[in-house]
Amino acid sequence: MSPLISGLASVASMLFNAASGASSKAAVARRSSGDDAPAQPSAVVTLSPQAEALAGFAGKGILVSQGKLDGALGAIQRGTGQGVGGGSATTAGSVSTQDFQELLTRFGADDAQKQQITAGFDTNNDGSISHDEFLKGLASTSAKKPGTDFSQAVLQLMDRGGNQDGVVHQNEFAAFTTAFAHAEKRVGTV
């Protein structure tokens, strides 16, 4: 082996060992600093590219939710009560603010968050969240729209219901929309 290649290999080895040692020290510091403590939600939550696409669908009037049997995604178009592609779906309706706040409780919202998020979705202040109001609220979480306290509160709630890593992933976004769709369905069958 030439002296140049041998020297480069030594430098690369030193850099690798230094990087490995730093990450090991960070892992030890995390463990010793109470890694068992519950995860705290990130201050600023963003959408993954897939969740961003779901927010885009909401902006176009399509609610995407998880199927109840196989976890597949399904969609309901605004105001039609029809699944995308003409399939049947739950009739789009509204959810009372009381039922909506119960849904928010299941996602871990405290009283102040429930009030803020409910007020943000119930834009006409009629005491219920309509299908259109819900879609517009979801669309406001898109990175293409200016962020607001409301949209961050919704994103933090979605992330709290998932893995709390500061990014709302497709399954976390869909879990929230599915919960709303189920609440709509319960109202429609009563």
C-alpha atoms as a PDB file:
ATOM      1  CA  MET A   1       0.000   0.000   0.000  1.00  0.00           C
ATOM      2  CA  SER A   2       1.411   3.403  -0.875  1.00  0.00           C
ATOM      3  CA  PRO A   3       2.222   5.834   1.949  1.00  0.00           C
ATOM      4  CA  LEU A   4      -0.409   8.281   0.637  1.00  0.00           C
ATOM      5  CA  ILE A   5      -3.217   5.718   0.715  1.00  0.00           C
ATOM      6  CA  SER A   6      -2.064   4.436   4.087  1.00  0.00           C
ATOM      7  CA  GLY A   7      -2.090   7.974   5.482  1.00  0.00           C
ATOM      8  CA  LEU A   8      -5.569   8.656   4.103  1.00  0.00           C
ATOM      9  CA  ALA A   9      -6.843   5.396   5.599  1.00  0.00           C
ATOM     10  CA  SER A  10      -5.433   6.422   8.990  1.00  0.00           C
ATOM     11  CA  VAL A  11      -7.116   9.822   8.826  1.00  0.00           C
ATOM     12  CA  ALA A  12     -10.417   8.242   7.784  1.00  0.00           C
ATOM     13  CA  SER A  13     -10.128   5.776  10.658  1.00  0.00           C
ATOM     14  CA  MET A  14      -9.493   8.597  13.160  1.00  0.00           C
ATOM     15  CA  LEU A  15     -12.474  10.576  11.863  1.00  0.00           C
ATOM     16  CA  PHE A  16     -14.721   7.512  12.042  1.00  0.00           C
ATOM     17  CA  ASN A  17     -13.615   6.724  15.602  1.00  0.00           C
ATOM     18  CA  ALA A  18     -14.119  10.347  16.670  1.00  0.00           C
ATOM     19  CA  ALA A  19     -17.609  10.423  15.182  1.00  0.00           C
ATOM     20  CA  SER A  20     -18.485   7.076  16.766  1.00  0.00           C
ATOM     21  CA  GLY A  21     -17.230   8.254  20.149  1.00  0.00           C
ATOM     22  CA  ALA A  22     -19.278  11.454  19.958  1.00  0.00           C
ATOM     23  CA  SER A  23     -22.457   9.588  19.118  1.00  0.00           C
ATOM     24  CA  SER A  24     -21.800   7.093  21.917  1.00  0.00           C
ATOM     25  CA  LYS A  25     -21.291   9.945  24.394  1.00  0.00           C
ATOM     26  CA  ALA A  26     -24.546  11.561  23.199  1.00  0.00           C
ATOM     27  CA  ALA A  27     -26.394   8.270  23.665  1.00  0.00           C
ATOM     28  CA  VAL A  28     -24.982   7.886  27.179  1.00  0.00           C
ATOM     29  CA  ALA A  29     -25.943  11.488  27.972  1.00  0.00           C
ATOM     30  CA  ARG A  30     -29.504  10.848  26.740  1.00  0.00           C
ATOM     31  CA  ARG A  31     -29.772   7.724  28.886  1.00  0.00           C
ATOM     32  CA  SER A  32     -28.374   9.448  31.964  1.00  0.00           C
ATOM     33  CA  SER A  33     -30.525  12.544  31.479  1.00  0.00           C
ATOM     34  CA  GLY A  34     -33.751  10.600  31.869  1.00  0.00           C
ATOM     35  CA  ASP A  35     -34.405   8.994  28.487  1.00  0.00           C
ATOM     36  CA  ASP A  36     -37.326   7.260  30.195  1.00  0.00           C
ATOM     37  CA  ALA A  37     -39.110  10.616  30.555  1.00  0.00           C
ATOM     38  CA  PRO A  38     -42.180  10.969  28.350  1.00  0.00           C
ATOM     39  CA  ALA A  39     -41.512  12.580  24.996  1.00  0.00           C
ATOM     40  CA  GLN A  40     -42.526  16.210  24.751  1.00  0.00           C
ATOM     41  CA  PRO A  41     -44.174  17.471  21.577  1.00  0.00           C
ATOM     42  CA  SER A  42     -41.997  19.526  19.312  1.00  0.00           C
ATOM     43  CA  ALA A  43     -42.524  23.302  19.393  1.00  0.00           C
ATOM     44  CA  VAL A  44     -42.846  23.489  15.600  1.00  0.00           C
ATOM     45  CA  VAL A  45     -44.402  20.534  13.846  1.00  0.00           C
ATOM     46  CA  THR A  46     -44.204  19.962  10.105  1.00  0.00           C
ATOM     47  CA  LEU A  47     -45.850  17.570   7.658  1.00  0.00           C
ATOM     48  CA  SER A  48     -44.048  14.703   5.939  1.00  0.00           C
ATOM     49  CA  PRO A  49     -44.312  14.836   2.131  1.00  0.00           C
ATOM     50  CA  GLN A  50     -47.049  12.178   2.222  1.00  0.00           C
ATOM     51  CA  ALA A  51     -49.032  14.030   4.909  1.00  0.00           C
ATOM     52  CA  GLU A  52     -48.538  17.246   2.913  1.00  0.00           C
ATOM     53  CA  ALA A  53     -50.232  15.482  -0.007  1.00  0.00           C
ATOM     54  CA  LEU A  54     -53.172  14.563   2.267  1.00  0.00           C
ATOM     55  CA  ALA A  55     -53.471  18.217   3.347  1.00  0.00           C
ATOM     56  CA  GLY A  56     -53.463  19.113  -0.358  1.00  0.00           C
ATOM     57  CA  PHE A  57     -56.348  16.706  -0.954  1.00  0.00           C
ATOM     58  CA  ALA A  58     -58.251  18.409   1.880  1.00  0.00           C
ATOM     59  CA  GLY A  59     -57.681  21.739   0.137  1.00  0.00           C
ATOM     60  CA  LYS A  60     -59.316  20.236  -2.956  1.00  0.00           C
ATOM     61  CA  GLY A  61     -62.303  19.037  -0.945  1.00  0.00           C
ATOM     62  CA  ILE A  62     -61.283  15.407  -0.479  1.00  0.00           C
ATOM     63  CA  LEU A  63     -61.118  13.812   2.967  1.00  0.00           C
ATOM     64  CA  VAL A  64     -58.682  10.898   2.961  1.00  0.00           C
ATOM     65  CA  SER A  65     -59.048   8.376   5.774  1.00  0.00           C
ATOM     66  CA  GLN A  66     -57.936   4.869   6.625  1.00  0.00           C
ATOM     67  CA  GLY A  67     -60.214   1.956   5.779  1.00  0.00           C
ATOM     68  CA  LYS A  68     -61.508   0.148   8.830  1.00  0.00           C
ATOM     69  CA  LEU A  69     -60.526  -3.378   7.797  1.00  0.00           C
ATOM     70  CA  ASP A  70     -57.173  -3.294   6.080  1.00  0.00           C
ATOM     71  CA  GLY A  71     -55.720   0.153   6.813  1.00  0.00           C
ATOM     72  CA  ALA A  72     -56.066   1.145   3.148  1.00  0.00           C
ATOM     73  CA  LEU A  73     -56.741   4.769   2.379  1.00  0.00           C
ATOM     74  CA  GLY A  74     -60.165   5.878   1.168  1.00  0.00           C
ATOM     75  CA  ALA A  75     -61.488   9.294   0.215  1.00  0.00           C
ATOM     76  CA  ILE A  76     -64.743  11.236   0.426  1.00  0.00           C
ATOM     77  CA  GLN A  77     -65.249  14.200  -1.885  1.00  0.00           C
ATOM     78  CA  ARG A  78     -66.644  17.429  -0.504  1.00  0.00           C
ATOM     79  CA  GLY A  79     -70.416  17.561  -0.440  1.00  0.00           C
ATOM     80  CA  THR A  80     -70.992  14.424  -2.516  1.00  0.00           C
ATOM     81  CA  GLY A  81     -71.084  11.665   0.054  1.00  0.00           C
ATOM     82  CA  GLN A  82     -69.373   9.598  -2.668  1.00  0.00           C
ATOM     83  CA  GLY A  83     -66.014   7.972  -2.510  1.00  0.00           C
ATOM     84  CA  VAL A  84     -63.475   9.051  -5.086  1.00  0.00           C
ATOM     85  CA  GLY A  85     -64.076   6.935  -8.184  1.00  0.00           C
ATOM     86  CA  GLY A  86     -67.841   6.756  -7.599  1.00  0.00           C
ATOM     87  CA  GLY A  87     -67.798   4.249  -4.734  1.00  0.00           C
ATOM     88  CA  SER A  88     -70.241   4.674  -1.902  1.00  0.00           C
ATOM     89  CA  ALA A  89     -69.061   6.366   1.274  1.00  0.00           C
ATOM     90  CA  THR A  90     -70.408   7.909   4.408  1.00  0.00           C
ATOM     91  CA  THR A  91     -72.675  10.880   3.803  1.00  0.00           C
ATOM     92  CA  ALA A  92     -70.723  14.015   4.583  1.00  0.00           C
ATOM     93  CA  GLY A  93     -72.330  15.802   7.499  1.00  0.00           C
ATOM     94  CA  SER A  94     -71.251  17.591  10.628  1.00  0.00           C
ATOM     95  CA  VAL A  95     -70.087  16.758  14.126  1.00  0.00           C
ATOM     96  CA  SER A  96     -71.257  18.648  17.222  1.00  0.00           C
ATOM     97  CA  THR A  97     -68.589  20.596  19.073  1.00  0.00           C
ATOM     98  CA  GLN A  98     -69.147  18.330  22.090  1.00  0.00           C
ATOM     99  CA  ASP A  99     -68.481  15.192  20.015  1.00  0.00           C
ATOM    100  CA  PHE A 100     -65.544  16.909  18.327  1.00  0.00           C
ATOM    101  CA  GLN A 101     -64.026  17.806  21.696  1.00  0.00           C
ATOM    102  CA  GLU A 102     -64.397  14.173  22.804  1.00  0.00           C
ATOM    103  CA  LEU A 103     -62.466  13.209  19.667  1.00  0.00           C
ATOM    104  CA  LEU A 104     -59.761  15.745  20.569  1.00  0.00           C
ATOM    105  CA  THR A 105     -59.577  14.292  24.093  1.00  0.00           C
ATOM    106  CA  ARG A 106     -58.796  10.868  22.608  1.00  0.00           C
ATOM    107  CA  PHE A 107     -55.847  12.492  20.826  1.00  0.00           C
ATOM    108  CA  GLY A 108     -54.575  13.954  24.118  1.00  0.00           C
ATOM    109  CA  ALA A 109     -55.789  17.570  23.927  1.00  0.00           C
ATOM    110  CA  ASP A 110     -56.187  19.499  27.165  1.00  0.00           C
ATOM    111  CA  ASP A 111     -59.121  21.876  27.746  1.00  0.00           C
ATOM    112  CA  ALA A 112     -57.356  24.954  26.325  1.00  0.00           C
ATOM    113  CA  GLN A 113     -56.294  23.052  23.195  1.00  0.00           C
ATOM    114  CA  LYS A 114     -59.797  21.658  22.718  1.00  0.00           C
ATOM    115  CA  GLN A 115     -61.240  25.187  22.847  1.00  0.00           C
ATOM    116  CA  GLN A 116     -58.626  26.579  20.433  1.00  0.00           C
ATOM    117  CA  ILE A 117     -58.895  23.764  17.900  1.00  0.00           C
ATOM    118  CA  THR A 118     -62.695  23.590  18.036  1.00  0.00           C
ATOM    119  CA  ALA A 119     -62.968  27.360  17.516  1.00  0.00           C
ATOM    120  CA  GLY A 120     -60.528  27.126  14.586  1.00  0.00           C
ATOM    121  CA  PHE A 121     -62.575  24.442  12.843  1.00  0.00           C
ATOM    122  CA  ASP A 122     -66.048  25.862  13.663  1.00  0.00           C
ATOM    123  CA  THR A 123     -65.579  28.974  11.547  1.00  0.00           C
ATOM    124  CA  ASN A 124     -69.275  29.867  11.347  1.00  0.00           C
ATOM    125  CA  ASN A 125     -69.769  29.419  15.127  1.00  0.00           C
ATOM    126  CA  ASP A 126     -72.898  27.274  14.740  1.00  0.00           C
ATOM    127  CA  GLY A 127     -71.903  24.702  17.380  1.00  0.00           C
ATOM    128  CA  SER A 128     -70.866  22.009  14.923  1.00  0.00           C
ATOM    129  CA  ILE A 129     -67.964  21.207  12.629  1.00  0.00           C
ATOM    130  CA  SER A 130     -69.194  20.614   9.080  1.00  0.00           C
ATOM    131  CA  HIS A 131     -67.379  18.417   6.603  1.00  0.00           C
ATOM    132  CA  ASP A 132     -66.297  21.530   4.657  1.00  0.00           C
ATOM    133  CA  GLU A 133     -65.080  23.316   7.802  1.00  0.00           C
ATOM    134  CA  PHE A 134     -63.025  20.273   8.744  1.00  0.00           C
ATOM    135  CA  LEU A 135     -61.477  20.084   5.262  1.00  0.00           C
ATOM    136  CA  LYS A 136     -60.632  23.795   5.278  1.00  0.00           C
ATOM    137  CA  GLY A 137     -59.031  23.448   8.710  1.00  0.00           C
ATOM    138  CA  LEU A 138     -56.944  20.499   7.512  1.00  0.00           C
ATOM    139  CA  ALA A 139     -55.924  22.395   4.389  1.00  0.00           C
ATOM    140  CA  SER A 140     -54.609  25.220   6.599  1.00  0.00           C
ATOM    141  CA  THR A 141     -51.961  22.845   7.975  1.00  0.00           C
ATOM    142  CA  SER A 142     -50.257  22.686   4.579  1.00  0.00           C
ATOM    143  CA  ALA A 143     -46.753  24.116   4.348  1.00  0.00           C
ATOM    144  CA  LYS A 144     -47.963  26.021   1.283  1.00  0.00           C
ATOM    145  CA  LYS A 145     -50.151  28.178   3.542  1.00  0.00           C
ATOM    146  CA  PRO A 146     -48.787  30.595   6.119  1.00  0.00           C
ATOM    147  CA  GLY A 147     -48.540  28.826   9.479  1.00  0.00           C
ATOM    148  CA  THR A 148     -50.886  29.940  12.244  1.00  0.00           C
ATOM    149  CA  ASP A 149     -51.309  29.102  15.912  1.00  0.00           C
ATOM    150  CA  PHE A 150     -54.375  27.072  14.916  1.00  0.00           C
ATOM    151  CA  SER A 151     -52.569  25.001  12.292  1.00  0.00           C
ATOM    152  CA  GLN A 152     -49.662  24.361  14.676  1.00  0.00           C
ATOM    153  CA  ALA A 153     -52.096  23.290  17.403  1.00  0.00           C
ATOM    154  CA  VAL A 154     -53.696  20.787  15.002  1.00  0.00           C
ATOM    155  CA  LEU A 155     -50.310  19.476  13.839  1.00  0.00           C
ATOM    156  CA  GLN A 156     -49.067  19.125  17.424  1.00  0.00           C
ATOM    157  CA  LEU A 157     -52.208  17.182  18.300  1.00  0.00           C
ATOM    158  CA  MET A 158     -51.720  14.831  15.325  1.00  0.00           C
ATOM    159  CA  ASP A 159     -48.065  14.341  16.241  1.00  0.00           C
ATOM    160  CA  ARG A 160     -48.926  13.714  19.904  1.00  0.00           C
ATOM    161  CA  GLY A 161     -51.279  10.950  18.776  1.00  0.00           C
ATOM    162  CA  GLY A 162     -48.362   9.380  16.888  1.00  0.00           C
ATOM    163  CA  ASN A 163     -44.660   9.143  17.629  1.00  0.00           C
ATOM    164  CA  GLN A 164     -44.062  12.767  18.733  1.00  0.00           C
ATOM    165  CA  ASP A 165     -41.058  13.338  16.486  1.00  0.00           C
ATOM    166  CA  GLY A 166     -42.009  16.835  15.277  1.00  0.00           C
ATOM    167  CA  VAL A 167     -43.234  15.548  11.904  1.00  0.00           C
ATOM    168  CA  VAL A 168     -46.808  14.515  11.154  1.00  0.00           C
ATOM    169  CA  HIS A 169     -46.626  11.391   9.033  1.00  0.00           C
ATOM    170  CA  GLN A 170     -49.295  10.034   6.682  1.00  0.00           C
ATOM    171  CA  ASN A 171     -50.636   7.558   9.248  1.00  0.00           C
ATOM    172  CA  GLU A 172     -50.891  10.254  11.963  1.00  0.00           C
ATOM    173  CA  PHE A 173     -52.725  12.623   9.604  1.00  0.00           C
ATOM    174  CA  ALA A 174     -55.030   9.826   8.413  1.00  0.00           C
ATOM    175  CA  ALA A 175     -55.749   8.719  12.006  1.00  0.00           C
ATOM    176  CA  PHE A 176     -57.145  12.192  12.759  1.00  0.00           C
ATOM    177  CA  THR A 177     -59.220  12.355   9.572  1.00  0.00           C
ATOM    178  CA  THR A 178     -60.500   8.830  10.157  1.00  0.00           C
ATOM    179  CA  ALA A 179     -61.620   9.723  13.676  1.00  0.00           C
ATOM    180  CA  PHE A 180     -63.589  12.658  12.244  1.00  0.00           C
ATOM    181  CA  ALA A 181     -65.094  10.477   9.491  1.00  0.00           C
ATOM    182  CA  HIS A 182     -66.207   7.945  12.122  1.00  0.00           C
ATOM    183  CA  ALA A 183     -67.777  10.754  14.185  1.00  0.00           C
ATOM    184  CA  GLU A 184     -69.605  11.929  11.039  1.00  0.00           C
ATOM    185  CA  LYS A 185     -70.810   8.418  10.386  1.00  0.00           C
ATOM    186  CA  ARG A 186     -72.142   8.047  13.951  1.00  0.00           C
ATOM    187  CA  VAL A 187     -74.083  11.303  13.558  1.00  0.00           C
ATOM    188  CA  GLY A 188     -75.440  10.181  10.185  1.00  0.00           C
ATOM    189  CA  THR A 189     -76.725   6.869  11.563  1.00  0.00           C
ATOM    190  CA  VAL A 190     -78.436   8.276  14.664  1.00  0.00           C
END
